[in-house]
Amino acid sequence: MSGNWNEADHPREPKGSSKGGQFTDVDTISGAAAAAAIPDYVTKELRKEWVRRLSGLDHEVAILIDPDTAGRIYEQEGQRGRVDFDVKQRRAANNKVLLHNHPYSNSPFSVEDVKFFLRFNLKEMWVIASDYIFKMKKMPEMMTYFEMDWNEFVFRKAILYDDAFSSIFDRRADSSYYLDQLKKSTAKIRAFKELSKNYGWDFEWIKKEDYRGE
């Protein structure tokens, strides 16, 4: 995720286009009254639809949704390893839920993801990976963006990954590429779980095949 933006590199889709990049009227899909009027099964189906939308892509895409109704506020196309946002999009993220994908990967949140989550006060951030759905959730006692020592965070993230990987690494010569990738993703998940305990946000994950729209 990134807050950098160059308008010339990201032309807008025409108004009404189904390809995203356009804002909806947030006031029409948010709030307790709107949420109360929408059956629970509808919001669950919407969340499942966003997960399907972000699965199997070869580039990153981000979708900002309302936390109460799961209605889409905007969708932003990105590149292989990043999505860029303009000022209006970043401000709209306040207390909302941002979903984005990590193509060809089972990695949870990057450092840039965590920075975006804290800097723009998201209620939740989701990563839709190859086999998993990862969620970060705002908690009352978590550290703020400006309280974070980001150099220490990067260092601690690397150390926790190395420790986790060493604990499960199988040095057998016949270890397959698939098993190595599985070990790496498992180590990244374990490391991020420990980071979450240290910095105070909630972290959870679920296999895509088990997801029911919660």
N, C-alpha and C. Protein backbone atom coordinates (compact mmCIF):
# COMPACT_ATOMS: atom_id res chain seq x y z
N MET A 1 0.84 -1.19 0.00
CA MET A 1 0.00 0.00 0.00
C MET A 1 0.88 1.24 0.00
N SER A 2 0.41 2.29 -0.63
CA SER A 2 1.21 3.50 -0.68
C SER A 2 0.30 4.72 -0.75
N GLY A 3 0.78 5.81 -0.18
CA GLY A 3 0.05 7.06 -0.27
C GLY A 3 0.51 7.93 -1.42
N ASN A 4 1.49 7.46 -2.20
CA ASN A 4 2.00 8.25 -3.32
C ASN A 4 1.02 8.20 -4.49
N TRP A 5 0.95 9.28 -5.26
CA TRP A 5 -0.03 9.35 -6.35
C TRP A 5 0.47 10.26 -7.45
N ASN A 6 0.38 9.78 -8.67
CA ASN A 6 0.68 10.59 -9.84
C ASN A 6 -0.51 10.46 -10.77
N GLU A 7 -1.28 11.52 -10.91
CA GLU A 7 -2.53 11.47 -11.68
C GLU A 7 -2.31 10.99 -13.10
N ALA A 8 -1.17 11.36 -13.70
CA ALA A 8 -0.91 10.98 -15.09
C ALA A 8 -0.74 9.48 -15.25
N ASP A 9 -0.28 8.82 -14.17
CA ASP A 9 -0.07 7.37 -14.22
C ASP A 9 -1.33 6.60 -13.93
N HIS A 10 -2.38 7.27 -13.45
CA HIS A 10 -3.59 6.57 -13.01
C HIS A 10 -4.82 7.29 -13.52
N PRO A 11 -5.08 7.25 -14.82
CA PRO A 11 -6.25 7.94 -15.36
C PRO A 11 -7.53 7.37 -14.79
N ARG A 12 -8.49 8.25 -14.52
CA ARG A 12 -9.78 7.83 -13.96
C ARG A 12 -10.62 7.11 -15.01
N GLU A 13 -11.38 6.14 -14.56
CA GLU A 13 -12.38 5.53 -15.43
C GLU A 13 -13.53 6.52 -15.61
N PRO A 14 -14.23 6.44 -16.74
CA PRO A 14 -15.37 7.34 -16.94
C PRO A 14 -16.42 7.14 -15.87
N LYS A 15 -17.14 8.18 -15.58
CA LYS A 15 -18.19 8.10 -14.57
C LYS A 15 -19.17 7.00 -14.91
N GLY A 16 -19.48 6.16 -13.91
CA GLY A 16 -20.39 5.05 -14.13
C GLY A 16 -19.72 3.77 -14.55
N SER A 17 -18.41 3.82 -14.80
CA SER A 17 -17.69 2.61 -15.21
C SER A 17 -17.72 1.58 -14.11
N SER A 18 -17.80 0.32 -14.47
CA SER A 18 -17.80 -0.78 -13.49
C SER A 18 -16.39 -1.15 -13.05
N LYS A 19 -15.36 -0.49 -13.61
CA LYS A 19 -13.98 -0.85 -13.31
C LYS A 19 -13.45 -0.20 -12.04
N GLY A 20 -14.24 0.65 -11.41
CA GLY A 20 -13.82 1.18 -10.12
C GLY A 20 -13.10 2.50 -10.25
N GLY A 21 -12.53 2.95 -9.09
CA GLY A 21 -11.87 4.23 -9.05
C GLY A 21 -12.83 5.38 -8.79
N GLN A 22 -14.14 5.08 -8.70
CA GLN A 22 -15.13 6.12 -8.45
C GLN A 22 -15.67 5.98 -7.03
N PHE A 23 -15.99 7.10 -6.41
CA PHE A 23 -16.58 7.09 -5.08
C PHE A 23 -18.10 6.96 -5.18
N THR A 24 -18.65 6.23 -4.22
CA THR A 24 -20.09 6.27 -4.03
C THR A 24 -20.39 7.35 -3.01
N ASP A 25 -21.64 7.66 -2.83
CA ASP A 25 -22.03 8.58 -1.77
C ASP A 25 -22.01 7.82 -0.47
N VAL A 26 -20.97 8.04 0.34
CA VAL A 26 -20.78 7.26 1.56
C VAL A 26 -21.98 7.36 2.47
N ASP A 27 -22.60 8.56 2.53
CA ASP A 27 -23.70 8.77 3.47
C ASP A 27 -24.89 7.88 3.15
N THR A 28 -25.02 7.43 1.92
CA THR A 28 -26.18 6.62 1.56
C THR A 28 -26.01 5.16 1.92
N ILE A 29 -24.79 4.72 2.28
CA ILE A 29 -24.60 3.31 2.57
C ILE A 29 -24.03 3.05 3.95
N SER A 30 -23.90 4.09 4.77
CA SER A 30 -23.31 3.92 6.08
C SER A 30 -24.28 4.34 7.16
N GLY A 31 -23.90 4.03 8.41
CA GLY A 31 -24.71 4.42 9.55
C GLY A 31 -25.54 3.28 10.08
N ALA A 32 -25.94 3.41 11.33
CA ALA A 32 -26.68 2.35 12.00
C ALA A 32 -28.03 2.09 11.35
N ALA A 33 -28.70 3.17 10.87
CA ALA A 33 -30.02 2.98 10.26
C ALA A 33 -29.93 2.14 9.00
N ALA A 34 -28.92 2.44 8.18
CA ALA A 34 -28.74 1.66 6.95
C ALA A 34 -28.39 0.22 7.26
N ALA A 35 -27.50 0.03 8.23
CA ALA A 35 -27.09 -1.32 8.59
C ALA A 35 -28.26 -2.13 9.13
N ALA A 36 -29.13 -1.49 9.92
CA ALA A 36 -30.27 -2.19 10.51
C ALA A 36 -31.27 -2.63 9.44
N ALA A 37 -31.29 -1.88 8.33
CA ALA A 37 -32.24 -2.19 7.27
C ALA A 37 -31.76 -3.29 6.34
N ILE A 38 -30.51 -3.68 6.44
CA ILE A 38 -29.94 -4.68 5.54
C ILE A 38 -29.80 -6.01 6.28
N PRO A 39 -30.41 -7.07 5.79
CA PRO A 39 -30.28 -8.38 6.46
C PRO A 39 -28.83 -8.83 6.55
N ASP A 40 -28.54 -9.56 7.60
CA ASP A 40 -27.17 -10.01 7.84
C ASP A 40 -26.64 -10.85 6.69
N TYR A 41 -27.51 -11.66 6.08
CA TYR A 41 -27.02 -12.53 5.01
C TYR A 41 -26.58 -11.72 3.79
N VAL A 42 -27.15 -10.52 3.63
CA VAL A 42 -26.76 -9.67 2.50
C VAL A 42 -25.34 -9.15 2.70
N THR A 43 -25.04 -8.65 3.90
CA THR A 43 -23.69 -8.14 4.16
C THR A 43 -22.67 -9.27 4.07
N LYS A 44 -23.02 -10.47 4.51
CA LYS A 44 -22.11 -11.61 4.40
C LYS A 44 -21.84 -11.94 2.93
N GLU A 45 -22.89 -11.92 2.11
CA GLU A 45 -22.70 -12.21 0.69
C GLU A 45 -21.84 -11.13 0.01
N LEU A 46 -22.01 -9.87 0.43
CA LEU A 46 -21.18 -8.81 -0.13
C LEU A 46 -19.71 -9.02 0.21
N ARG A 47 -19.44 -9.36 1.49
CA ARG A 47 -18.04 -9.59 1.89
C ARG A 47 -17.45 -10.75 1.09
N LYS A 48 -18.22 -11.81 0.91
CA LYS A 48 -17.73 -12.94 0.13
C LYS A 48 -17.48 -12.53 -1.32
N GLU A 49 -18.32 -11.65 -1.84
CA GLU A 49 -18.13 -11.17 -3.21
C GLU A 49 -16.84 -10.37 -3.33
N TRP A 50 -16.52 -9.54 -2.35
CA TRP A 50 -15.27 -8.77 -2.41
C TRP A 50 -14.06 -9.70 -2.33
N VAL A 51 -14.16 -10.75 -1.52
CA VAL A 51 -13.06 -11.72 -1.45
C VAL A 51 -12.88 -12.41 -2.80
N ARG A 52 -13.97 -12.79 -3.43
CA ARG A 52 -13.88 -13.41 -4.76
C ARG A 52 -13.29 -12.43 -5.77
N ARG A 53 -13.71 -11.18 -5.66
CA ARG A 53 -13.22 -10.16 -6.61
C ARG A 53 -11.70 -10.00 -6.53
N LEU A 54 -11.13 -10.18 -5.33
CA LEU A 54 -9.71 -9.95 -5.12
C LEU A 54 -8.88 -11.22 -5.19
N SER A 55 -9.47 -12.31 -5.60
CA SER A 55 -8.77 -13.59 -5.68
C SER A 55 -8.34 -13.88 -7.11
N GLY A 56 -7.15 -14.45 -7.26
CA GLY A 56 -6.69 -14.91 -8.56
C GLY A 56 -6.20 -13.82 -9.50
N LEU A 57 -5.97 -12.62 -8.99
CA LEU A 57 -5.49 -11.53 -9.85
C LEU A 57 -3.96 -11.55 -9.93
N ASP A 58 -3.42 -10.92 -10.99
CA ASP A 58 -1.97 -10.85 -11.13
C ASP A 58 -1.42 -9.49 -10.71
N HIS A 59 -2.26 -8.65 -10.12
CA HIS A 59 -1.85 -7.33 -9.64
C HIS A 59 -2.71 -6.99 -8.43
N GLU A 60 -2.28 -5.97 -7.69
CA GLU A 60 -3.03 -5.60 -6.50
C GLU A 60 -4.21 -4.70 -6.84
N VAL A 61 -5.29 -4.92 -6.11
CA VAL A 61 -6.50 -4.09 -6.18
C VAL A 61 -6.96 -3.86 -4.75
N ALA A 62 -7.42 -2.67 -4.46
CA ALA A 62 -7.93 -2.36 -3.12
C ALA A 62 -9.40 -1.98 -3.21
N ILE A 63 -10.18 -2.41 -2.23
CA ILE A 63 -11.59 -2.07 -2.14
C ILE A 63 -11.86 -1.53 -0.73
N LEU A 64 -12.38 -0.32 -0.65
CA LEU A 64 -12.78 0.25 0.64
C LEU A 64 -14.26 0.01 0.83
N ILE A 65 -14.62 -0.58 1.98
CA ILE A 65 -16.03 -0.88 2.24
C ILE A 65 -16.48 -0.27 3.55
N ASP A 66 -17.78 -0.07 3.65
CA ASP A 66 -18.37 0.40 4.90
C ASP A 66 -18.39 -0.75 5.91
N PRO A 67 -17.97 -0.53 7.15
CA PRO A 67 -17.90 -1.64 8.12
C PRO A 67 -19.26 -2.17 8.54
N ASP A 68 -20.32 -1.37 8.40
CA ASP A 68 -21.65 -1.81 8.84
C ASP A 68 -22.42 -2.54 7.75
N THR A 69 -22.34 -2.03 6.54
CA THR A 69 -23.16 -2.59 5.46
C THR A 69 -22.38 -3.43 4.46
N ALA A 70 -21.04 -3.34 4.49
CA ALA A 70 -20.15 -3.98 3.51
C ALA A 70 -20.31 -3.40 2.12
N GLY A 71 -20.99 -2.26 2.01
CA GLY A 71 -21.11 -1.58 0.72
C GLY A 71 -19.78 -1.01 0.26
N ARG A 72 -19.53 -1.11 -1.03
CA ARG A 72 -18.26 -0.62 -1.58
C ARG A 72 -18.28 0.91 -1.69
N ILE A 73 -17.25 1.54 -1.14
CA ILE A 73 -17.10 2.99 -1.22
C ILE A 73 -16.26 3.36 -2.44
N TYR A 74 -15.15 2.66 -2.65
CA TYR A 74 -14.42 2.79 -3.90
C TYR A 74 -13.58 1.55 -4.13
N GLU A 75 -13.16 1.38 -5.37
CA GLU A 75 -12.24 0.32 -5.77
C GLU A 75 -11.10 0.95 -6.55
N GLN A 76 -9.87 0.58 -6.19
CA GLN A 76 -8.71 1.19 -6.82
C GLN A 76 -7.79 0.11 -7.41
N GLU A 77 -7.54 0.20 -8.70
CA GLU A 77 -6.62 -0.71 -9.37
C GLU A 77 -5.18 -0.33 -9.02
N GLY A 78 -4.30 -1.34 -8.88
CA GLY A 78 -2.91 -1.10 -8.58
C GLY A 78 -1.99 -1.81 -9.55
N GLN A 79 -0.79 -2.08 -9.10
CA GLN A 79 0.22 -2.77 -9.88
C GLN A 79 0.54 -4.11 -9.23
N ARG A 80 1.61 -4.75 -9.68
CA ARG A 80 1.95 -6.08 -9.17
C ARG A 80 2.18 -6.08 -7.65
N GLY A 81 2.82 -5.04 -7.13
CA GLY A 81 3.16 -5.06 -5.72
C GLY A 81 2.68 -3.88 -4.91
N ARG A 82 1.74 -3.06 -5.46
CA ARG A 82 1.32 -1.88 -4.71
C ARG A 82 0.02 -1.32 -5.27
N VAL A 83 -0.66 -0.56 -4.43
CA VAL A 83 -1.80 0.25 -4.85
C VAL A 83 -1.54 1.66 -4.37
N ASP A 84 -1.75 2.66 -5.24
CA ASP A 84 -1.56 4.06 -4.87
C ASP A 84 -2.92 4.73 -4.66
N PHE A 85 -2.95 5.70 -3.73
CA PHE A 85 -4.19 6.39 -3.40
C PHE A 85 -3.97 7.90 -3.45
N ASP A 86 -5.02 8.63 -3.83
CA ASP A 86 -4.94 10.08 -3.76
C ASP A 86 -5.42 10.55 -2.39
N VAL A 87 -5.36 11.86 -2.17
CA VAL A 87 -5.69 12.41 -0.85
C VAL A 87 -7.13 12.10 -0.46
N LYS A 88 -8.06 12.23 -1.38
CA LYS A 88 -9.46 11.99 -1.08
C LYS A 88 -9.69 10.53 -0.67
N GLN A 89 -9.03 9.62 -1.36
CA GLN A 89 -9.18 8.20 -1.04
C GLN A 89 -8.60 7.87 0.33
N ARG A 90 -7.45 8.48 0.66
CA ARG A 90 -6.85 8.23 1.97
C ARG A 90 -7.74 8.75 3.10
N ARG A 91 -8.28 9.93 2.91
CA ARG A 91 -9.16 10.50 3.95
C ARG A 91 -10.44 9.69 4.11
N ALA A 92 -10.94 9.15 3.03
CA ALA A 92 -12.17 8.36 3.09
C ALA A 92 -11.99 7.07 3.89
N ALA A 93 -10.73 6.64 4.07
CA ALA A 93 -10.46 5.37 4.75
C ALA A 93 -10.69 5.42 6.25
N ASN A 94 -10.84 6.60 6.82
CA ASN A 94 -11.00 6.75 8.26
C ASN A 94 -12.16 5.90 8.80
N ASN A 95 -11.83 4.97 9.72
CA ASN A 95 -12.81 4.09 10.37
C ASN A 95 -13.57 3.20 9.40
N LYS A 96 -12.97 2.94 8.25
CA LYS A 96 -13.57 2.02 7.29
C LYS A 96 -12.75 0.73 7.22
N VAL A 97 -13.15 -0.18 6.34
CA VAL A 97 -12.47 -1.46 6.16
C VAL A 97 -11.85 -1.47 4.76
N LEU A 98 -10.55 -1.68 4.69
CA LEU A 98 -9.86 -1.72 3.40
C LEU A 98 -9.39 -3.13 3.11
N LEU A 99 -9.84 -3.68 1.99
CA LEU A 99 -9.41 -5.00 1.53
C LEU A 99 -8.46 -4.82 0.35
N HIS A 100 -7.39 -5.61 0.32
CA HIS A 100 -6.56 -5.65 -0.87
C HIS A 100 -5.93 -7.04 -0.96
N ASN A 101 -5.42 -7.37 -2.12
CA ASN A 101 -4.88 -8.71 -2.35
C ASN A 101 -3.36 -8.69 -2.39
N HIS A 102 -2.76 -9.84 -2.12
CA HIS A 102 -1.34 -10.08 -2.34
C HIS A 102 -1.22 -11.19 -3.39
N PRO A 103 -1.00 -10.83 -4.66
CA PRO A 103 -0.99 -11.84 -5.72
C PRO A 103 0.09 -12.90 -5.52
N TYR A 104 -0.26 -14.13 -5.79
CA TYR A 104 0.69 -15.26 -5.77
C TYR A 104 1.43 -15.37 -4.44
N SER A 105 0.76 -15.11 -3.34
CA SER A 105 1.45 -15.08 -2.06
C SER A 105 0.51 -15.48 -0.94
N ASN A 106 1.09 -16.05 0.11
CA ASN A 106 0.35 -16.28 1.36
C ASN A 106 0.94 -15.45 2.49
N SER A 107 1.53 -14.32 2.14
CA SER A 107 2.11 -13.42 3.13
C SER A 107 1.03 -12.54 3.74
N PRO A 108 1.09 -12.29 5.04
CA PRO A 108 0.17 -11.32 5.64
C PRO A 108 0.62 -9.90 5.37
N PHE A 109 0.52 -9.01 6.32
CA PHE A 109 0.68 -7.58 6.08
C PHE A 109 2.14 -7.16 5.97
N SER A 110 2.40 -6.28 5.01
CA SER A 110 3.73 -5.69 4.84
C SER A 110 3.89 -4.51 5.79
N VAL A 111 5.10 -3.97 5.86
CA VAL A 111 5.34 -2.77 6.66
C VAL A 111 4.50 -1.62 6.13
N GLU A 112 4.42 -1.47 4.80
CA GLU A 112 3.62 -0.40 4.21
C GLU A 112 2.14 -0.58 4.52
N ASP A 113 1.67 -1.82 4.58
CA ASP A 113 0.28 -2.07 4.97
C ASP A 113 0.02 -1.57 6.39
N VAL A 114 0.92 -1.90 7.30
CA VAL A 114 0.75 -1.50 8.71
C VAL A 114 0.77 0.03 8.82
N LYS A 115 1.66 0.67 8.09
CA LYS A 115 1.73 2.13 8.12
C LYS A 115 0.41 2.74 7.65
N PHE A 116 -0.14 2.20 6.56
CA PHE A 116 -1.41 2.73 6.04
C PHE A 116 -2.53 2.50 7.05
N PHE A 117 -2.59 1.33 7.62
CA PHE A 117 -3.61 0.97 8.60
C PHE A 117 -3.63 1.96 9.76
N LEU A 118 -2.45 2.28 10.30
CA LEU A 118 -2.36 3.18 11.44
C LEU A 118 -2.47 4.65 11.04
N ARG A 119 -1.81 5.03 9.97
CA ARG A 119 -1.77 6.44 9.58
C ARG A 119 -3.14 6.97 9.22
N PHE A 120 -3.98 6.15 8.57
CA PHE A 120 -5.27 6.62 8.11
C PHE A 120 -6.43 6.04 8.91
N ASN A 121 -6.11 5.53 10.10
CA ASN A 121 -7.10 5.19 11.11
C ASN A 121 -8.18 4.22 10.60
N LEU A 122 -7.74 3.15 9.95
CA LEU A 122 -8.69 2.14 9.48
C LEU A 122 -9.30 1.39 10.66
N LYS A 123 -10.54 1.00 10.49
CA LYS A 123 -11.15 0.10 11.48
C LYS A 123 -10.60 -1.30 11.30
N GLU A 124 -10.49 -1.74 10.05
CA GLU A 124 -9.90 -3.04 9.73
C GLU A 124 -9.16 -2.93 8.41
N MET A 125 -8.14 -3.78 8.25
CA MET A 125 -7.51 -3.99 6.95
C MET A 125 -7.46 -5.50 6.72
N TRP A 126 -7.80 -5.90 5.50
CA TRP A 126 -7.76 -7.31 5.12
C TRP A 126 -6.75 -7.50 3.99
N VAL A 127 -6.06 -8.62 4.02
CA VAL A 127 -5.26 -9.07 2.89
C VAL A 127 -5.89 -10.37 2.37
N ILE A 128 -6.20 -10.37 1.09
CA ILE A 128 -6.71 -11.57 0.44
C ILE A 128 -5.52 -12.23 -0.25
N ALA A 129 -5.00 -13.28 0.34
CA ALA A 129 -3.83 -13.97 -0.18
C ALA A 129 -4.26 -15.18 -1.01
N SER A 130 -3.32 -15.98 -1.42
CA SER A 130 -3.65 -17.12 -2.28
C SER A 130 -4.60 -18.10 -1.59
N ASP A 131 -4.30 -18.44 -0.34
CA ASP A 131 -5.09 -19.44 0.38
C ASP A 131 -5.74 -18.92 1.65
N TYR A 132 -5.37 -17.71 2.08
CA TYR A 132 -5.84 -17.19 3.36
C TYR A 132 -6.47 -15.82 3.22
N ILE A 133 -7.27 -15.48 4.22
CA ILE A 133 -7.74 -14.11 4.44
C ILE A 133 -7.15 -13.66 5.77
N PHE A 134 -6.38 -12.58 5.75
CA PHE A 134 -5.78 -12.02 6.96
C PHE A 134 -6.51 -10.74 7.33
N LYS A 135 -6.69 -10.52 8.63
CA LYS A 135 -7.36 -9.31 9.10
C LYS A 135 -6.58 -8.66 10.23
N MET A 136 -6.40 -7.34 10.12
CA MET A 136 -5.94 -6.50 11.22
C MET A 136 -7.14 -5.68 11.68
N LYS A 137 -7.33 -5.59 13.00
CA LYS A 137 -8.45 -4.83 13.54
C LYS A 137 -7.96 -3.83 14.58
N LYS A 138 -8.53 -2.65 14.51
CA LYS A 138 -8.18 -1.60 15.46
C LYS A 138 -8.62 -1.97 16.87
N MET A 139 -7.73 -1.76 17.84
CA MET A 139 -8.01 -2.03 19.23
C MET A 139 -7.74 -0.76 20.05
N PRO A 140 -8.45 -0.59 21.18
CA PRO A 140 -8.33 0.66 21.95
C PRO A 140 -6.92 0.97 22.43
N GLU A 141 -6.15 -0.05 22.81
CA GLU A 141 -4.84 0.20 23.42
C GLU A 141 -3.68 0.03 22.45
N MET A 142 -3.96 -0.07 21.17
CA MET A 142 -2.84 -0.29 20.25
C MET A 142 -2.04 1.00 20.06
N MET A 143 -0.81 0.85 19.63
CA MET A 143 0.05 2.01 19.38
C MET A 143 -0.45 2.77 18.15
N THR A 144 -0.27 4.08 18.17
CA THR A 144 -0.65 4.91 17.03
C THR A 144 0.51 5.00 16.05
N TYR A 145 0.22 5.54 14.88
CA TYR A 145 1.25 5.70 13.85
C TYR A 145 2.43 6.52 14.38
N PHE A 146 2.14 7.58 15.11
CA PHE A 146 3.20 8.48 15.55
C PHE A 146 3.92 7.99 16.80
N GLU A 147 3.38 6.98 17.47
CA GLU A 147 4.06 6.36 18.59
C GLU A 147 5.02 5.26 18.16
N MET A 148 4.86 4.81 16.93
CA MET A 148 5.67 3.70 16.44
C MET A 148 7.10 4.15 16.14
N ASP A 149 8.06 3.32 16.53
CA ASP A 149 9.44 3.46 16.05
C ASP A 149 9.55 2.51 14.86
N TRP A 150 9.49 3.07 13.65
CA TRP A 150 9.37 2.22 12.47
C TRP A 150 10.65 1.46 12.16
N ASN A 151 11.79 2.01 12.49
CA ASN A 151 13.03 1.26 12.31
C ASN A 151 13.07 0.03 13.21
N GLU A 152 12.62 0.22 14.44
CA GLU A 152 12.56 -0.91 15.36
C GLU A 152 11.54 -1.94 14.90
N PHE A 153 10.43 -1.46 14.36
CA PHE A 153 9.39 -2.38 13.88
C PHE A 153 9.92 -3.26 12.75
N VAL A 154 10.60 -2.65 11.79
CA VAL A 154 11.17 -3.41 10.66
C VAL A 154 12.17 -4.43 11.17
N PHE A 155 13.03 -4.00 12.08
CA PHE A 155 14.04 -4.90 12.64
C PHE A 155 13.38 -6.07 13.39
N ARG A 156 12.41 -5.76 14.23
CA ARG A 156 11.75 -6.80 15.01
C ARG A 156 11.00 -7.78 14.10
N LYS A 157 10.37 -7.26 13.05
CA LYS A 157 9.66 -8.10 12.09
C LYS A 157 10.61 -9.11 11.45
N ALA A 158 11.80 -8.65 11.06
CA ALA A 158 12.79 -9.53 10.43
C ALA A 158 13.31 -10.59 11.41
N ILE A 159 13.58 -10.18 12.65
CA ILE A 159 14.08 -11.12 13.66
C ILE A 159 13.04 -12.18 13.98
N LEU A 160 11.80 -11.76 14.15
CA LEU A 160 10.74 -12.73 14.46
C LEU A 160 10.54 -13.72 13.32
N TYR A 161 10.65 -13.23 12.08
CA TYR A 161 10.54 -14.14 10.93
C TYR A 161 11.68 -15.15 10.93
N ASP A 162 12.90 -14.67 11.13
CA ASP A 162 14.05 -15.58 11.14
C ASP A 162 13.90 -16.65 12.23
N ASP A 163 13.46 -16.23 13.41
CA ASP A 163 13.27 -17.17 14.52
C ASP A 163 12.20 -18.20 14.19
N ALA A 164 11.09 -17.72 13.63
CA ALA A 164 10.00 -18.63 13.29
C ALA A 164 10.41 -19.59 12.19
N PHE A 165 11.10 -19.07 11.17
CA PHE A 165 11.52 -19.92 10.06
C PHE A 165 12.52 -20.98 10.53
N SER A 166 13.45 -20.58 11.38
CA SER A 166 14.46 -21.52 11.88
C SER A 166 13.82 -22.65 12.68
N SER A 167 12.72 -22.34 13.34
CA SER A 167 12.08 -23.36 14.17
C SER A 167 11.34 -24.42 13.36
N ILE A 168 11.01 -24.10 12.09
CA ILE A 168 10.26 -25.07 11.28
C ILE A 168 11.02 -25.50 10.04
N PHE A 169 12.19 -24.89 9.78
CA PHE A 169 12.93 -25.17 8.55
C PHE A 169 13.45 -26.59 8.53
N ASP A 170 13.14 -27.29 7.46
CA ASP A 170 13.58 -28.67 7.27
C ASP A 170 14.73 -28.65 6.26
N ARG A 171 15.90 -29.03 6.70
CA ARG A 171 17.08 -28.95 5.83
C ARG A 171 17.28 -30.20 4.97
N ARG A 172 16.31 -31.04 4.87
CA ARG A 172 16.46 -32.22 4.02
C ARG A 172 16.66 -31.81 2.56
N ALA A 173 17.53 -32.51 1.88
CA ALA A 173 17.85 -32.18 0.49
C ALA A 173 16.65 -32.37 -0.43
N ASP A 174 15.73 -33.26 -0.05
CA ASP A 174 14.60 -33.54 -0.92
C ASP A 174 13.40 -32.64 -0.63
N SER A 175 13.60 -31.62 0.18
CA SER A 175 12.51 -30.70 0.48
C SER A 175 12.06 -30.00 -0.80
N SER A 176 10.76 -30.03 -1.07
CA SER A 176 10.25 -29.49 -2.33
C SER A 176 10.07 -27.98 -2.26
N TYR A 177 9.92 -27.37 -3.44
CA TYR A 177 9.67 -25.94 -3.52
C TYR A 177 8.38 -25.60 -2.79
N TYR A 178 7.36 -26.42 -2.97
CA TYR A 178 6.07 -26.17 -2.32
C TYR A 178 6.22 -26.17 -0.79
N LEU A 179 6.96 -27.14 -0.26
CA LEU A 179 7.14 -27.19 1.18
C LEU A 179 7.93 -25.98 1.69
N ASP A 180 8.93 -25.56 0.92
CA ASP A 180 9.69 -24.37 1.32
C ASP A 180 8.79 -23.14 1.36
N GLN A 181 7.93 -22.99 0.35
CA GLN A 181 7.02 -21.84 0.34
C GLN A 181 6.03 -21.91 1.51
N LEU A 182 5.59 -23.13 1.82
CA LEU A 182 4.68 -23.30 2.96
C LEU A 182 5.36 -22.90 4.26
N LYS A 183 6.62 -23.29 4.42
CA LYS A 183 7.36 -22.93 5.63
C LYS A 183 7.54 -21.42 5.73
N LYS A 184 7.84 -20.78 4.60
CA LYS A 184 8.03 -19.33 4.60
C LYS A 184 6.75 -18.60 4.99
N SER A 185 5.63 -19.01 4.40
CA SER A 185 4.37 -18.34 4.73
C SER A 185 3.97 -18.61 6.18
N THR A 186 4.22 -19.83 6.66
CA THR A 186 3.92 -20.14 8.06
C THR A 186 4.76 -19.28 8.99
N ALA A 187 6.03 -19.11 8.67
CA ALA A 187 6.91 -18.28 9.49
C ALA A 187 6.45 -16.82 9.48
N LYS A 188 6.01 -16.31 8.35
CA LYS A 188 5.54 -14.93 8.27
C LYS A 188 4.28 -14.73 9.11
N ILE A 189 3.40 -15.72 9.10
CA ILE A 189 2.18 -15.62 9.90
C ILE A 189 2.51 -15.64 11.39
N ARG A 190 3.39 -16.54 11.79
CA ARG A 190 3.80 -16.62 13.20
C ARG A 190 4.46 -15.32 13.64
N ALA A 191 5.32 -14.78 12.79
CA ALA A 191 6.02 -13.54 13.13
C ALA A 191 5.04 -12.38 13.28
N PHE A 192 4.06 -12.29 12.37
CA PHE A 192 3.12 -11.18 12.45
C PHE A 192 2.19 -11.33 13.65
N LYS A 193 1.90 -12.55 14.02
CA LYS A 193 1.09 -12.79 15.23
C LYS A 193 1.81 -12.23 16.46
N GLU A 194 3.11 -12.46 16.55
CA GLU A 194 3.89 -11.93 17.67
C GLU A 194 3.96 -10.40 17.63
N LEU A 195 4.15 -9.84 16.43
CA LEU A 195 4.16 -8.39 16.29
C LEU A 195 2.84 -7.79 16.76
N SER A 196 1.75 -8.43 16.43
CA SER A 196 0.43 -7.93 16.80
C SER A 196 0.27 -7.88 18.31
N LYS A 197 0.77 -8.89 19.00
CA LYS A 197 0.73 -8.89 20.46
C LYS A 197 1.54 -7.73 21.02
N ASN A 198 2.69 -7.45 20.41
CA ASN A 198 3.58 -6.40 20.91
C ASN A 198 3.00 -5.00 20.68
N TYR A 199 2.32 -4.80 19.55
CA TYR A 199 1.89 -3.45 19.19
C TYR A 199 0.40 -3.20 19.42
N GLY A 200 -0.36 -4.23 19.72
CA GLY A 200 -1.70 -4.01 20.26
C GLY A 200 -2.89 -4.12 19.33
N TRP A 201 -2.69 -4.37 18.03
CA TRP A 201 -3.86 -4.57 17.18
C TRP A 201 -4.25 -6.05 17.20
N ASP A 202 -5.45 -6.33 16.77
CA ASP A 202 -5.92 -7.71 16.68
C ASP A 202 -5.55 -8.28 15.31
N PHE A 203 -5.12 -9.51 15.30
CA PHE A 203 -4.73 -10.18 14.05
C PHE A 203 -5.37 -11.54 14.01
N GLU A 204 -6.04 -11.83 12.90
CA GLU A 204 -6.64 -13.16 12.73
C GLU A 204 -6.55 -13.56 11.27
N TRP A 205 -6.67 -14.84 11.03
CA TRP A 205 -6.64 -15.34 9.66
C TRP A 205 -7.50 -16.58 9.56
N ILE A 206 -7.92 -16.85 8.34
CA ILE A 206 -8.79 -17.99 8.08
C ILE A 206 -8.49 -18.50 6.68
N LYS A 207 -8.63 -19.79 6.49
CA LYS A 207 -8.51 -20.34 5.14
C LYS A 207 -9.68 -19.86 4.29
N LYS A 208 -9.37 -19.51 3.05
CA LYS A 208 -10.43 -19.03 2.16
C LYS A 208 -11.58 -20.01 2.05
N GLU A 209 -11.24 -21.29 2.00
CA GLU A 209 -12.28 -22.31 1.82
C GLU A 209 -13.24 -22.39 2.99
N ASP A 210 -12.80 -21.84 4.14
CA ASP A 210 -13.65 -21.86 5.34
C ASP A 210 -14.39 -20.54 5.58
N TYR A 211 -14.16 -19.56 4.73
CA TYR A 211 -14.73 -18.24 4.97
C TYR A 211 -16.23 -18.22 4.68
N ARG A 212 -17.00 -17.64 5.60
CA ARG A 212 -18.46 -17.61 5.48
C ARG A 212 -19.03 -16.20 5.49
N GLY A 213 -18.18 -15.22 5.29
CA GLY A 213 -18.68 -13.86 5.14
C GLY A 213 -18.70 -13.02 6.41
N GLU A 214 -18.02 -13.49 7.47
CA GLU A 214 -18.05 -12.74 8.72
C GLU A 214 -17.17 -11.50 8.62
